[in-house]
């Protein structure tokens, strides 16, 4: 995972830097992506963002469009899971449709 540095002011005249995952980083398959999003989300909430803002920013950093909506961290993880399933060939356009007779 590639990291970028984000600066936040701690006190006048000083700055602390925090490593955040870059948008260009591809999420790891399965549970690893979930761990990365959770840690990013917690870091952002700890830095003062509201939970919905932190989840939406995490979604943006994972490449999920954020046009007119807000995301929850659960929704972000669900979308990343489905994306990994599609990329692995385990979920396709016919899945989730009407039941087919056997």
C-alpha atoms as a PDB file:
ATOM      1  CA  UNK A   1       0.000   0.000   0.000  1.00  0.00           C
ATOM      2  CA  UNK A   2       1.321   3.446  -0.875  1.00  0.00           C
ATOM      3  CA  UNK A   3       1.191   6.088   1.816  1.00  0.00           C
ATOM      4  CA  UNK A   4       0.890   9.838   1.572  1.00  0.00           C
ATOM      5  CA  UNK A   5       1.504  12.271   4.362  1.00  0.00           C
ATOM      6  CA  UNK A   6      -1.201  14.559   5.653  1.00  0.00           C
ATOM      7  CA  UNK A   7      -0.173  17.441   7.880  1.00  0.00           C
ATOM      8  CA  UNK A   8      -2.294  18.588  10.795  1.00  0.00           C
ATOM      9  CA  UNK A   9      -1.477  21.497  13.048  1.00  0.00           C
ATOM     10  CA  UNK A  10      -0.872  20.476  16.644  1.00  0.00           C
ATOM     11  CA  UNK A  11       0.122  23.828  18.101  1.00  0.00           C
ATOM     12  CA  UNK A  12       1.011  27.208  16.621  1.00  0.00           C
ATOM     13  CA  UNK A  13       4.303  26.871  14.799  1.00  0.00           C
ATOM     14  CA  UNK A  14       4.431  23.080  14.880  1.00  0.00           C
ATOM     15  CA  UNK A  15       2.927  20.375  12.682  1.00  0.00           C
ATOM     16  CA  UNK A  16       2.480  16.641  13.002  1.00  0.00           C
ATOM     17  CA  UNK A  17       2.326  14.379   9.991  1.00  0.00           C
ATOM     18  CA  UNK A  18       0.195  11.280   9.663  1.00  0.00           C
ATOM     19  CA  UNK A  19       0.576   8.567   7.050  1.00  0.00           C
ATOM     20  CA  UNK A  20      -2.677   7.912   5.187  1.00  0.00           C
ATOM     21  CA  UNK A  21      -3.256   5.338   2.444  1.00  0.00           C
ATOM     22  CA  UNK A  22      -3.154   6.942  -0.978  1.00  0.00           C
ATOM     23  CA  UNK A  23      -6.056   6.791  -3.380  1.00  0.00           C
ATOM     24  CA  UNK A  24      -3.864   5.003  -5.924  1.00  0.00           C
ATOM     25  CA  UNK A  25      -3.348   2.059  -3.589  1.00  0.00           C
ATOM     26  CA  UNK A  26      -5.318  -1.010  -4.551  1.00  0.00           C
ATOM     27  CA  UNK A  27      -7.194  -2.610  -1.694  1.00  0.00           C
ATOM     28  CA  UNK A  28      -5.983  -6.007  -0.615  1.00  0.00           C
ATOM     29  CA  UNK A  29      -8.356  -8.912  -1.153  1.00  0.00           C
ATOM     30  CA  UNK A  30     -10.887  -9.899   1.485  1.00  0.00           C
ATOM     31  CA  UNK A  31     -10.379  -9.037   5.116  1.00  0.00           C
ATOM     32  CA  UNK A  32      -7.154  -7.067   4.671  1.00  0.00           C
ATOM     33  CA  UNK A  33      -8.992  -4.245   2.867  1.00  0.00           C
ATOM     34  CA  UNK A  34     -11.486  -4.171   5.718  1.00  0.00           C
ATOM     35  CA  UNK A  35      -8.690  -3.781   8.256  1.00  0.00           C
ATOM     36  CA  UNK A  36      -7.137  -0.964   6.224  1.00  0.00           C
ATOM     37  CA  UNK A  37     -10.434   0.906   5.917  1.00  0.00           C
ATOM     38  CA  UNK A  38     -11.177   0.500   9.606  1.00  0.00           C
ATOM     39  CA  UNK A  39      -7.788   1.827  10.663  1.00  0.00           C
ATOM     40  CA  UNK A  40      -8.066   4.756   8.230  1.00  0.00           C
ATOM     41  CA  UNK A  41     -11.576   5.496   9.491  1.00  0.00           C
ATOM     42  CA  UNK A  42     -10.480   5.374  13.145  1.00  0.00           C
ATOM     43  CA  UNK A  43      -7.512   7.617  12.398  1.00  0.00           C
ATOM     44  CA  UNK A  44      -9.751  10.211  10.732  1.00  0.00           C
ATOM     45  CA  UNK A  45     -12.316  10.123  13.558  1.00  0.00           C
ATOM     46  CA  UNK A  46      -9.451  10.478  16.028  1.00  0.00           C
ATOM     47  CA  UNK A  47      -8.271  13.554  14.115  1.00  0.00           C
ATOM     48  CA  UNK A  48     -11.636  15.243  14.630  1.00  0.00           C
ATOM     49  CA  UNK A  49     -13.766  14.276  11.633  1.00  0.00           C
ATOM     50  CA  UNK A  50     -17.380  13.305  12.216  1.00  0.00           C
ATOM     51  CA  UNK A  51     -18.029   9.572  11.671  1.00  0.00           C
ATOM     52  CA  UNK A  52     -19.947  10.121   8.411  1.00  0.00           C
ATOM     53  CA  UNK A  53     -17.245  12.476   7.112  1.00  0.00           C
ATOM     54  CA  UNK A  54     -14.513   9.977   7.997  1.00  0.00           C
ATOM     55  CA  UNK A  55     -16.387   7.129   6.266  1.00  0.00           C
ATOM     56  CA  UNK A  56     -17.029   9.231   3.146  1.00  0.00           C
ATOM     57  CA  UNK A  57     -13.374  10.291   2.958  1.00  0.00           C
ATOM     58  CA  UNK A  58     -12.327   6.662   3.407  1.00  0.00           C
ATOM     59  CA  UNK A  59     -14.656   5.716   0.529  1.00  0.00           C
ATOM     60  CA  UNK A  60     -13.085   8.422  -1.649  1.00  0.00           C
ATOM     61  CA  UNK A  61      -9.592   7.172  -0.803  1.00  0.00           C
ATOM     62  CA  UNK A  62     -10.666   3.664  -1.893  1.00  0.00           C
ATOM     63  CA  UNK A  63     -11.897   4.989  -5.239  1.00  0.00           C
ATOM     64  CA  UNK A  64     -15.617   4.835  -4.454  1.00  0.00           C
ATOM     65  CA  UNK A  65     -17.615   7.742  -5.961  1.00  0.00           C
ATOM     66  CA  UNK A  66     -18.932  10.161  -3.348  1.00  0.00           C
ATOM     67  CA  UNK A  67     -20.960  12.518  -5.578  1.00  0.00           C
ATOM     68  CA  UNK A  68     -24.122  13.326  -3.624  1.00  0.00           C
ATOM     69  CA  UNK A  69     -24.189  10.857  -0.805  1.00  0.00           C
ATOM     70  CA  UNK A  70     -22.555   9.923   2.417  1.00  0.00           C
ATOM     71  CA  UNK A  71     -21.177   6.483   3.140  1.00  0.00           C
ATOM     72  CA  UNK A  72     -20.942   4.491   6.341  1.00  0.00           C
ATOM     73  CA  UNK A  73     -17.806   2.440   6.971  1.00  0.00           C
ATOM     74  CA  UNK A  74     -19.960  -0.704   6.764  1.00  0.00           C
ATOM     75  CA  UNK A  75     -21.183   0.268   3.279  1.00  0.00           C
ATOM     76  CA  UNK A  76     -17.617   0.990   2.165  1.00  0.00           C
ATOM     77  CA  UNK A  77     -16.462  -2.444   3.335  1.00  0.00           C
ATOM     78  CA  UNK A  78     -19.454  -4.143   1.682  1.00  0.00           C
ATOM     79  CA  UNK A  79     -18.704  -2.462  -1.657  1.00  0.00           C
ATOM     80  CA  UNK A  80     -15.032  -3.380  -1.445  1.00  0.00           C
ATOM     81  CA  UNK A  81     -16.006  -6.982  -0.666  1.00  0.00           C
ATOM     82  CA  UNK A  82     -18.306  -7.157  -3.704  1.00  0.00           C
ATOM     83  CA  UNK A  83     -15.611  -5.569  -5.882  1.00  0.00           C
ATOM     84  CA  UNK A  84     -13.109  -8.220  -4.751  1.00  0.00           C
ATOM     85  CA  UNK A  85     -15.674 -10.973  -5.482  1.00  0.00           C
ATOM     86  CA  UNK A  86     -16.240  -9.642  -9.017  1.00  0.00           C
ATOM     87  CA  UNK A  87     -12.497  -9.361  -9.654  1.00  0.00           C
ATOM     88  CA  UNK A  88     -12.010 -12.933  -8.449  1.00  0.00           C
ATOM     89  CA  UNK A  89     -14.752 -14.152 -10.787  1.00  0.00           C
ATOM     90  CA  UNK A  90     -16.950 -15.343  -7.926  1.00  0.00           C
ATOM     91  CA  UNK A  91     -19.791 -12.891  -8.544  1.00  0.00           C
ATOM     92  CA  UNK A  92     -21.214 -11.927 -11.903  1.00  0.00           C
ATOM     93  CA  UNK A  93     -24.036 -10.104 -13.680  1.00  0.00           C
ATOM     94  CA  UNK A  94     -26.435 -13.066 -13.389  1.00  0.00           C
ATOM     95  CA  UNK A  95     -25.987 -13.400  -9.618  1.00  0.00           C
ATOM     96  CA  UNK A  96     -28.654 -11.913  -7.395  1.00  0.00           C
ATOM     97  CA  UNK A  97     -31.286 -11.973 -10.138  1.00  0.00           C
ATOM     98  CA  UNK A  98     -34.501 -13.970 -10.287  1.00  0.00           C
ATOM     99  CA  UNK A  99     -34.283 -17.567  -9.155  1.00  0.00           C
ATOM    100  CA  UNK A 100     -33.637 -20.010 -11.991  1.00  0.00           C
ATOM    101  CA  UNK A 101     -35.363 -23.380 -12.142  1.00  0.00           C
ATOM    102  CA  UNK A 102     -33.013 -26.329 -11.788  1.00  0.00           C
END
